[in-house]
Amino acid sequence: MILTDVINQLDNLDSDDTIYAKKPWTPDTEVVIATEPDDGGLPDQAAKINAEYFIEIFLAKEFLEGWLSSFDQKPSIKDQCLRLIQYAENDA
């Protein structure tokens, strides 16, 4: 799965899960969706692909909903990915 797949399916994903992504983060970055372990480390699936914490699903949903509400026309999935990456790197 890649980040654009996640953005396409965001409304159907469990808000309690977290996105883990391989760096460098791009719309084509390989990702894993998993529940964050109780100890705060990486889930096994994320560690297997050398992914890092990216953002929780609920934060991604909230951020994109707020950002998208400022547009008359919905930005492309790629543009949404790029904006979410910027948010994850600088603000989340």
PDB file of N, CA and C in Angstrom:
ATOM      1  N   MET A   1       0.846  -1.165   0.000  1.00  0.00           N
ATOM      2  CA  MET A   1       0.000   0.000   0.000  1.00  0.00           C
ATOM      3  C   MET A   1       0.902   1.242   0.000  1.00  0.00           C
ATOM      4  N   ILE A   2       0.466   2.273  -0.713  1.00  0.00           N
ATOM      5  CA  ILE A   2       1.203   3.530  -0.740  1.00  0.00           C
ATOM      6  C   ILE A   2       0.325   4.640  -0.160  1.00  0.00           C
ATOM      7  N   LEU A   3       0.939   5.783   0.101  1.00  0.00           N
ATOM      8  CA  LEU A   3       0.226   6.865   0.770  1.00  0.00           C
ATOM      9  C   LEU A   3      -1.012   7.320   0.002  1.00  0.00           C
ATOM     10  N   THR A   4      -0.961   7.371  -1.319  1.00  0.00           N
ATOM     11  CA  THR A   4      -2.157   7.775  -2.070  1.00  0.00           C
ATOM     12  C   THR A   4      -3.311   6.801  -1.849  1.00  0.00           C
ATOM     13  N   ASP A   5      -3.004   5.509  -1.680  1.00  0.00           N
ATOM     14  CA  ASP A   5      -4.052   4.519  -1.376  1.00  0.00           C
ATOM     15  C   ASP A   5      -4.729   4.850  -0.048  1.00  0.00           C
ATOM     16  N   VAL A   6      -3.916   5.251   0.924  1.00  0.00           N
ATOM     17  CA  VAL A   6      -4.450   5.582   2.246  1.00  0.00           C
ATOM     18  C   VAL A   6      -5.378   6.786   2.151  1.00  0.00           C
ATOM     19  N   ILE A   7      -4.961   7.820   1.428  1.00  0.00           N
ATOM     20  CA  ILE A   7      -5.793   9.021   1.298  1.00  0.00           C
ATOM     21  C   ILE A   7      -7.104   8.670   0.610  1.00  0.00           C
ATOM     22  N   ASN A   8      -7.055   7.807  -0.397  1.00  0.00           N
ATOM     23  CA  ASN A   8      -8.272   7.368  -1.091  1.00  0.00           C
ATOM     24  C   ASN A   8      -9.225   6.624  -0.167  1.00  0.00           C
ATOM     25  N   GLN A   9      -8.701   5.917   0.823  1.00  0.00           N
ATOM     26  CA  GLN A   9      -9.508   5.075   1.705  1.00  0.00           C
ATOM     27  C   GLN A   9      -9.663   5.653   3.109  1.00  0.00           C
ATOM     28  N   LEU A  10      -9.210   6.871   3.319  1.00  0.00           N
ATOM     29  CA  LEU A  10      -9.121   7.433   4.666  1.00  0.00           C
ATOM     30  C   LEU A  10     -10.426   7.332   5.447  1.00  0.00           C
ATOM     31  N   ASP A  11     -11.547   7.611   4.816  1.00  0.00           N
ATOM     32  CA  ASP A  11     -12.828   7.575   5.518  1.00  0.00           C
ATOM     33  C   ASP A  11     -13.205   6.168   5.977  1.00  0.00           C
ATOM     34  N   ASN A  12     -12.630   5.162   5.361  1.00  0.00           N
ATOM     35  CA  ASN A  12     -12.956   3.776   5.707  1.00  0.00           C
ATOM     36  C   ASN A  12     -11.990   3.157   6.715  1.00  0.00           C
ATOM     37  N   LEU A  13     -10.957   3.909   7.102  1.00  0.00           N
ATOM     38  CA  LEU A  13      -9.950   3.370   8.012  1.00  0.00           C
ATOM     39  C   LEU A  13     -10.314   3.651   9.468  1.00  0.00           C
ATOM     40  N   ASP A  14      -9.843   2.792  10.347  1.00  0.00           N
ATOM     41  CA  ASP A  14     -10.093   2.910  11.777  1.00  0.00           C
ATOM     42  C   ASP A  14      -9.329   4.109  12.333  1.00  0.00           C
ATOM     43  N   SER A  15     -10.041   5.039  12.933  1.00  0.00           N
ATOM     44  CA  SER A  15      -9.427   6.259  13.466  1.00  0.00           C
ATOM     45  C   SER A  15      -8.429   5.985  14.582  1.00  0.00           C
ATOM     46  N   ASP A  16      -8.480   4.813  15.188  1.00  0.00           N
ATOM     47  CA  ASP A  16      -7.543   4.469  16.259  1.00  0.00           C
ATOM     48  C   ASP A  16      -6.195   3.981  15.739  1.00  0.00           C
ATOM     49  N   ASP A  17      -6.115   3.693  14.437  1.00  0.00           N
ATOM     50  CA  ASP A  17      -4.870   3.186  13.866  1.00  0.00           C
ATOM     51  C   ASP A  17      -3.917   4.332  13.514  1.00  0.00           C
ATOM     52  N   THR A  18      -2.705   3.960  13.161  1.00  0.00           N
ATOM     53  CA  THR A  18      -1.648   4.913  12.843  1.00  0.00           C
ATOM     54  C   THR A  18      -1.048   4.552  11.493  1.00  0.00           C
ATOM     55  N   ILE A  19      -0.596   5.576  10.768  1.00  0.00           N
ATOM     56  CA  ILE A  19       0.094   5.379   9.496  1.00  0.00           C
ATOM     57  C   ILE A  19       1.600   5.392   9.782  1.00  0.00           C
ATOM     58  N   TYR A  20       2.282   4.373   9.299  1.00  0.00           N
ATOM     59  CA  TYR A  20       3.737   4.291   9.366  1.00  0.00           C
ATOM     60  C   TYR A  20       4.226   4.298   7.926  1.00  0.00           C
ATOM     61  N   ALA A  21       5.229   5.118   7.617  1.00  0.00           N
ATOM     62  CA  ALA A  21       5.667   5.279   6.236  1.00  0.00           C
ATOM     63  C   ALA A  21       7.186   5.246   6.128  1.00  0.00           C
ATOM     64  N   LYS A  22       7.656   4.736   4.982  1.00  0.00           N
ATOM     65  CA  LYS A  22       9.090   4.738   4.687  1.00  0.00           C
ATOM     66  C   LYS A  22       9.490   6.134   4.225  1.00  0.00           C
ATOM     67  N   LYS A  23      10.685   6.542   4.604  1.00  0.00           N
ATOM     68  CA  LYS A  23      11.212   7.828   4.127  1.00  0.00           C
ATOM     69  C   LYS A  23      12.050   7.580   2.889  1.00  0.00           C
ATOM     70  N   PRO A  24      12.142   8.550   1.985  1.00  0.00           N
ATOM     71  CA  PRO A  24      11.536   9.871   2.056  1.00  0.00           C
ATOM     72  C   PRO A  24      10.035   9.790   1.780  1.00  0.00           C
ATOM     73  N   TRP A  25       9.284  10.634   2.471  1.00  0.00           N
ATOM     74  CA  TRP A  25       7.833  10.634   2.331  1.00  0.00           C
ATOM     75  C   TRP A  25       7.429  11.340   1.047  1.00  0.00           C
ATOM     76  N   THR A  26       6.703  10.601   0.212  1.00  0.00           N
ATOM     77  CA  THR A  26       6.154  11.099  -1.049  1.00  0.00           C
ATOM     78  C   THR A  26       4.767  10.480  -1.208  1.00  0.00           C
ATOM     79  N   PRO A  27       3.984  10.905  -2.205  1.00  0.00           N
ATOM     80  CA  PRO A  27       2.693  10.250  -2.422  1.00  0.00           C
ATOM     81  C   PRO A  27       2.811   8.756  -2.727  1.00  0.00           C
ATOM     82  N   ASP A  28       3.975   8.321  -3.219  1.00  0.00           N
ATOM     83  CA  ASP A  28       4.185   6.915  -3.559  1.00  0.00           C
ATOM     84  C   ASP A  28       4.907   6.129  -2.472  1.00  0.00           C
ATOM     85  N   THR A  29       5.071   6.731  -1.311  1.00  0.00           N
ATOM     86  CA  THR A  29       5.738   6.083  -0.190  1.00  0.00           C
ATOM     87  C   THR A  29       4.984   4.832   0.244  1.00  0.00           C
ATOM     88  N   GLU A  30       5.726   3.772   0.518  1.00  0.00           N
ATOM     89  CA  GLU A  30       5.139   2.541   1.042  1.00  0.00           C
ATOM     90  C   GLU A  30       4.726   2.772   2.493  1.00  0.00           C
ATOM     91  N   VAL A  31       3.517   2.355   2.828  1.00  0.00           N
ATOM     92  CA  VAL A  31       2.989   2.578   4.178  1.00  0.00           C
ATOM     93  C   VAL A  31       2.405   1.306   4.759  1.00  0.00           C
ATOM     94  N   VAL A  32       2.269   1.340   6.077  1.00  0.00           N
ATOM     95  CA  VAL A  32       1.602   0.290   6.843  1.00  0.00           C
ATOM     96  C   VAL A  32       0.603   0.988   7.750  1.00  0.00           C
ATOM     97  N   ILE A  33      -0.585   0.445   7.827  1.00  0.00           N
ATOM     98  CA  ILE A  33      -1.599   0.925   8.762  1.00  0.00           C
ATOM     99  C   ILE A  33      -1.665  -0.099   9.887  1.00  0.00           C
ATOM    100  N   ALA A  34      -1.456   0.369  11.111  1.00  0.00           N
ATOM    101  CA  ALA A  34      -1.437  -0.565  12.237  1.00  0.00           C
ATOM    102  C   ALA A  34      -1.800   0.170  13.523  1.00  0.00           C
ATOM    103  N   THR A  35      -2.144  -0.616  14.528  1.00  0.00           N
ATOM    104  CA  THR A  35      -2.386  -0.077  15.860  1.00  0.00           C
ATOM    105  C   THR A  35      -1.043   0.170  16.526  1.00  0.00           C
ATOM    106  N   GLU A  36      -0.893   1.345  17.115  1.00  0.00           N
ATOM    107  CA  GLU A  36       0.356   1.661  17.799  1.00  0.00           C
ATOM    108  C   GLU A  36       0.518   0.743  19.008  1.00  0.00           C
ATOM    109  N   PRO A  37       1.684   0.127  19.160  1.00  0.00           N
ATOM    110  CA  PRO A  37       1.894  -0.745  20.313  1.00  0.00           C
ATOM    111  C   PRO A  37       1.790   0.030  21.631  1.00  0.00           C
ATOM    112  N   ASP A  38       1.412  -0.664  22.684  1.00  0.00           N
ATOM    113  CA  ASP A  38       1.271  -0.032  23.998  1.00  0.00           C
ATOM    114  C   ASP A  38       2.567   0.607  24.478  1.00  0.00           C
ATOM    115  N   ASP A  39       3.707   0.031  24.089  1.00  0.00           N
ATOM    116  CA  ASP A  39       4.992   0.579  24.524  1.00  0.00           C
ATOM    117  C   ASP A  39       5.455   1.759  23.665  1.00  0.00           C
ATOM    118  N   GLY A  40       4.668   2.106  22.623  1.00  0.00           N
ATOM    119  CA  GLY A  40       4.991   3.249  21.782  1.00  0.00           C
ATOM    120  C   GLY A  40       5.993   2.967  20.686  1.00  0.00           C
ATOM    121  N   GLY A  41       6.492   1.743  20.596  1.00  0.00           N
ATOM    122  CA  GLY A  41       7.451   1.403  19.548  1.00  0.00           C
ATOM    123  C   GLY A  41       6.763   1.203  18.209  1.00  0.00           C
ATOM    124  N   LEU A  42       7.491   0.603  17.295  1.00  0.00           N
ATOM    125  CA  LEU A  42       6.934   0.314  15.975  1.00  0.00           C
ATOM    126  C   LEU A  42       6.241  -1.042  15.966  1.00  0.00           C
ATOM    127  N   PRO A  43       5.108  -1.139  15.283  1.00  0.00           N
ATOM    128  CA  PRO A  43       4.508  -2.462  15.081  1.00  0.00           C
ATOM    129  C   PRO A  43       5.436  -3.301  14.190  1.00  0.00           C
ATOM    130  N   ASP A  44       5.355  -4.597  14.320  1.00  0.00           N
ATOM    131  CA  ASP A  44       6.221  -5.490  13.546  1.00  0.00           C
ATOM    132  C   ASP A  44       6.132  -5.235  12.041  1.00  0.00           C
ATOM    133  N   GLN A  45       4.894  -5.016  11.533  1.00  0.00           N
ATOM    134  CA  GLN A  45       4.710  -4.803  10.089  1.00  0.00           C
ATOM    135  C   GLN A  45       5.472  -3.575   9.622  1.00  0.00           C
ATOM    136  N   ALA A  46       5.489  -2.520  10.422  1.00  0.00           N
ATOM    137  CA  ALA A  46       6.194  -1.285  10.063  1.00  0.00           C
ATOM    138  C   ALA A  46       7.698  -1.487  10.144  1.00  0.00           C
ATOM    139  N   ALA A  47       8.152  -2.186  11.165  1.00  0.00           N
ATOM    140  CA  ALA A  47       9.588  -2.437  11.325  1.00  0.00           C
ATOM    141  C   ALA A  47      10.130  -3.266  10.165  1.00  0.00           C
ATOM    142  N   LYS A  48       9.329  -4.194   9.660  1.00  0.00           N
ATOM    143  CA  LYS A  48       9.777  -5.066   8.564  1.00  0.00           C
ATOM    144  C   LYS A  48      10.104  -4.291   7.297  1.00  0.00           C
ATOM    145  N   ILE A  49       9.441  -3.159   7.072  1.00  0.00           N
ATOM    146  CA  ILE A  49       9.708  -2.374   5.858  1.00  0.00           C
ATOM    147  C   ILE A  49      10.517  -1.114   6.175  1.00  0.00           C
ATOM    148  N   ASN A  50      11.032  -1.022   7.392  1.00  0.00           N
ATOM    149  CA  ASN A  50      11.805   0.153   7.837  1.00  0.00           C
ATOM    150  C   ASN A  50      10.993   1.443   7.776  1.00  0.00           C
ATOM    151  N   ALA A  51       9.718   1.339   8.118  1.00  0.00           N
ATOM    152  CA  ALA A  51       8.842   2.512   8.139  1.00  0.00           C
ATOM    153  C   ALA A  51       8.981   3.220   9.483  1.00  0.00           C
ATOM    154  N   GLU A  52       8.604   4.474   9.485  1.00  0.00           N
ATOM    155  CA  GLU A  52       8.612   5.290  10.697  1.00  0.00           C
ATOM    156  C   GLU A  52       7.202   5.798  10.954  1.00  0.00           C
ATOM    157  N   TYR A  53       6.991   6.253  12.180  1.00  0.00           N
ATOM    158  CA  TYR A  53       5.715   6.893  12.494  1.00  0.00           C
ATOM    159  C   TYR A  53       5.482   8.031  11.504  1.00  0.00           C
ATOM    160  N   PHE A  54       4.268   8.119  10.964  1.00  0.00           N
ATOM    161  CA  PHE A  54       3.891   9.209  10.060  1.00  0.00           C
ATOM    162  C   PHE A  54       2.831  10.079  10.722  1.00  0.00           C
ATOM    163  N   ILE A  55       1.647   9.521  10.974  1.00  0.00           N
ATOM    164  CA  ILE A  55       0.563  10.281  11.610  1.00  0.00           C
ATOM    165  C   ILE A  55      -0.566   9.314  11.976  1.00  0.00           C
ATOM    166  N   GLU A  56      -1.305   9.653  13.015  1.00  0.00           N
ATOM    167  CA  GLU A  56      -2.471   8.849  13.368  1.00  0.00           C
ATOM    168  C   GLU A  56      -3.587   9.116  12.354  1.00  0.00           C
ATOM    169  N   ILE A  57      -4.409   8.096  12.129  1.00  0.00           N
ATOM    170  CA  ILE A  57      -5.516   8.226  11.179  1.00  0.00           C
ATOM    171  C   ILE A  57      -6.450   9.358  11.590  1.00  0.00           C
ATOM    172  N   PHE A  58      -6.797   9.455  12.873  1.00  0.00           N
ATOM    173  CA  PHE A  58      -7.744  10.493  13.287  1.00  0.00           C
ATOM    174  C   PHE A  58      -7.178  11.885  13.032  1.00  0.00           C
ATOM    175  N   LEU A  59      -5.872  12.080  13.211  1.00  0.00           N
ATOM    176  CA  LEU A  59      -5.263  13.386  12.929  1.00  0.00           C
ATOM    177  C   LEU A  59      -5.258  13.682  11.438  1.00  0.00           C
ATOM    178  N   ALA A  60      -4.960  12.677  10.632  1.00  0.00           N
ATOM    179  CA  ALA A  60      -4.980  12.865   9.181  1.00  0.00           C
ATOM    180  C   ALA A  60      -6.377  13.253   8.712  1.00  0.00           C
ATOM    181  N   LYS A  61      -7.397  12.566   9.235  1.00  0.00           N
ATOM    182  CA  LYS A  61      -8.783  12.887   8.869  1.00  0.00           C
ATOM    183  C   LYS A  61      -9.139  14.313   9.267  1.00  0.00           C
ATOM    184  N   GLU A  62      -8.856  14.673  10.512  1.00  0.00           N
ATOM    185  CA  GLU A  62      -9.186  16.018  10.999  1.00  0.00           C
ATOM    186  C   GLU A  62      -8.460  17.090  10.194  1.00  0.00           C
ATOM    187  N   PHE A  63      -7.170  16.882   9.958  1.00  0.00           N
ATOM    188  CA  PHE A  63      -6.397  17.879   9.228  1.00  0.00           C
ATOM    189  C   PHE A  63      -6.935  18.053   7.810  1.00  0.00           C
ATOM    190  N   LEU A  64      -7.101  16.941   7.091  1.00  0.00           N
ATOM    191  CA  LEU A  64      -7.549  17.049   5.703  1.00  0.00           C
ATOM    192  C   LEU A  64      -8.968  17.599   5.598  1.00  0.00           C
ATOM    193  N   GLU A  65      -9.844  17.226   6.512  1.00  0.00           N
ATOM    194  CA  GLU A  65     -11.203  17.787   6.488  1.00  0.00           C
ATOM    195  C   GLU A  65     -11.160  19.302   6.627  1.00  0.00           C
ATOM    196  N   GLY A  66     -10.366  19.793   7.569  1.00  0.00           N
ATOM    197  CA  GLY A  66     -10.243  21.223   7.766  1.00  0.00           C
ATOM    198  C   GLY A  66      -9.624  21.915   6.567  1.00  0.00           C
ATOM    199  N   TRP A  67      -8.569  21.341   6.029  1.00  0.00           N
ATOM    200  CA  TRP A  67      -7.887  21.927   4.877  1.00  0.00           C
ATOM    201  C   TRP A  67      -8.778  21.927   3.653  1.00  0.00           C
ATOM    202  N   LEU A  68      -9.469  20.809   3.408  1.00  0.00           N
ATOM    203  CA  LEU A  68     -10.330  20.697   2.225  1.00  0.00           C
ATOM    204  C   LEU A  68     -11.538  21.621   2.292  1.00  0.00           C
ATOM    205  N   SER A  69     -11.961  21.973   3.500  1.00  0.00           N
ATOM    206  CA  SER A  69     -13.136  22.845   3.626  1.00  0.00           C
ATOM    207  C   SER A  69     -12.882  24.253   3.093  1.00  0.00           C
ATOM    208  N   SER A  70     -11.623  24.608   2.863  1.00  0.00           N
ATOM    209  CA  SER A  70     -11.302  25.941   2.359  1.00  0.00           C
ATOM    210  C   SER A  70     -11.300  26.017   0.832  1.00  0.00           C
ATOM    211  N   PHE A  71     -11.619  24.916   0.165  1.00  0.00           N
ATOM    212  CA  PHE A  71     -11.602  24.875  -1.295  1.00  0.00           C
ATOM    213  C   PHE A  71     -13.006  24.703  -1.863  1.00  0.00           C
ATOM    214  N   ASP A  72     -13.250  25.339  -3.006  1.00  0.00           N
ATOM    215  CA  ASP A  72     -14.506  25.110  -3.726  1.00  0.00           C
ATOM    216  C   ASP A  72     -14.446  23.788  -4.476  1.00  0.00           C
ATOM    217  N   GLN A  73     -13.261  23.478  -5.003  1.00  0.00           N
ATOM    218  CA  GLN A  73     -13.054  22.241  -5.731  1.00  0.00           C
ATOM    219  C   GLN A  73     -12.010  21.420  -4.984  1.00  0.00           C
ATOM    220  N   LYS A  74     -12.286  20.149  -4.790  1.00  0.00           N
ATOM    221  CA  LYS A  74     -11.401  19.277  -4.017  1.00  0.00           C
ATOM    222  C   LYS A  74     -10.061  19.093  -4.732  1.00  0.00           C
ATOM    223  N   PRO A  75      -8.937  19.336  -4.046  1.00  0.00           N
ATOM    224  CA  PRO A  75      -7.618  19.095  -4.648  1.00  0.00           C
ATOM    225  C   PRO A  75      -7.420  17.612  -4.967  1.00  0.00           C
ATOM    226  N   SER A  76      -6.498  17.335  -5.867  1.00  0.00           N
ATOM    227  CA  SER A  76      -6.207  15.953  -6.263  1.00  0.00           C
ATOM    228  C   SER A  76      -5.684  15.159  -5.062  1.00  0.00           C
ATOM    229  N   ILE A  77      -5.750  13.852  -5.181  1.00  0.00           N
ATOM    230  CA  ILE A  77      -5.217  12.976  -4.138  1.00  0.00           C
ATOM    231  C   ILE A  77      -3.730  13.262  -3.938  1.00  0.00           C
ATOM    232  N   LYS A  78      -3.000  13.469  -5.027  1.00  0.00           N
ATOM    233  CA  LYS A  78      -1.574  13.778  -4.925  1.00  0.00           C
ATOM    234  C   LYS A  78      -1.362  15.064  -4.120  1.00  0.00           C
ATOM    235  N   ASP A  79      -2.146  16.098  -4.414  1.00  0.00           N
ATOM    236  CA  ASP A  79      -2.022  17.363  -3.673  1.00  0.00           C
ATOM    237  C   ASP A  79      -2.377  17.174  -2.198  1.00  0.00           C
ATOM    238  N   GLN A  80      -3.382  16.347  -1.930  1.00  0.00           N
ATOM    239  CA  GLN A  80      -3.739  16.058  -0.541  1.00  0.00           C
ATOM    240  C   GLN A  80      -2.588  15.335   0.162  1.00  0.00           C
ATOM    241  N   CYS A  81      -1.959  14.401  -0.529  1.00  0.00           N
ATOM    242  CA  CYS A  81      -0.807  13.681   0.040  1.00  0.00           C
ATOM    243  C   CYS A  81       0.330  14.646   0.348  1.00  0.00           C
ATOM    244  N   LEU A  82       0.642  15.506  -0.595  1.00  0.00           N
ATOM    245  CA  LEU A  82       1.738  16.455  -0.402  1.00  0.00           C
ATOM    246  C   LEU A  82       1.470  17.385   0.771  1.00  0.00           C
ATOM    247  N   ARG A  83       0.234  17.831   0.910  1.00  0.00           N
ATOM    248  CA  ARG A  83      -0.109  18.722   2.028  1.00  0.00           C
ATOM    249  C   ARG A  83      -0.051  17.970   3.348  1.00  0.00           C
ATOM    250  N   LEU A  84      -0.517  16.711   3.365  1.00  0.00           N
ATOM    251  CA  LEU A  84      -0.460  15.917   4.590  1.00  0.00           C
ATOM    252  C   LEU A  84       0.993  15.622   4.977  1.00  0.00           C
ATOM    253  N   ILE A  85       1.842  15.367   4.010  1.00  0.00           N
ATOM    254  CA  ILE A  85       3.269  15.160   4.290  1.00  0.00           C
ATOM    255  C   ILE A  85       3.844  16.411   4.924  1.00  0.00           C
ATOM    256  N   GLN A  86       3.548  17.558   4.351  1.00  0.00           N
ATOM    257  CA  GLN A  86       4.051  18.821   4.897  1.00  0.00           C
ATOM    258  C   GLN A  86       3.578  18.992   6.341  1.00  0.00           C
ATOM    259  N   TYR A  87       2.319  18.693   6.599  1.00  0.00           N
ATOM    260  CA  TYR A  87       1.776  18.796   7.946  1.00  0.00           C
ATOM    261  C   TYR A  87       2.478  17.811   8.891  1.00  0.00           C
ATOM    262  N   ALA A  88       2.652  16.565   8.457  1.00  0.00           N
ATOM    263  CA  ALA A  88       3.287  15.543   9.299  1.00  0.00           C
ATOM    264  C   ALA A  88       4.736  15.919   9.630  1.00  0.00           C
ATOM    265  N   GLU A  89       5.433  16.494   8.666  1.00  0.00           N
ATOM    266  CA  GLU A  89       6.831  16.851   8.879  1.00  0.00           C
ATOM    267  C   GLU A  89       7.004  18.078   9.781  1.00  0.00           C
ATOM    268  N   ASN A  90       6.077  19.011   9.699  1.00  0.00           N
ATOM    269  CA  ASN A  90       6.277  20.301  10.360  1.00  0.00           C
ATOM    270  C   ASN A  90       5.373  20.614  11.549  1.00  0.00           C
ATOM    271  N   ASP A  91       4.196  20.001  11.594  1.00  0.00           N
ATOM    272  CA  ASP A  91       3.214  20.437  12.584  1.00  0.00           C
ATOM    273  C   ASP A  91       2.645  19.341  13.465  1.00  0.00           C
ATOM    274  N   ALA A  92       2.646  18.116  13.000  1.00  0.00           N
ATOM    275  CA  ALA A  92       1.968  17.047  13.741  1.00  0.00           C
ATOM    276  C   ALA A  92       2.803  16.598  14.934  1.00  0.00           C
TER     277      ALA A  92
END
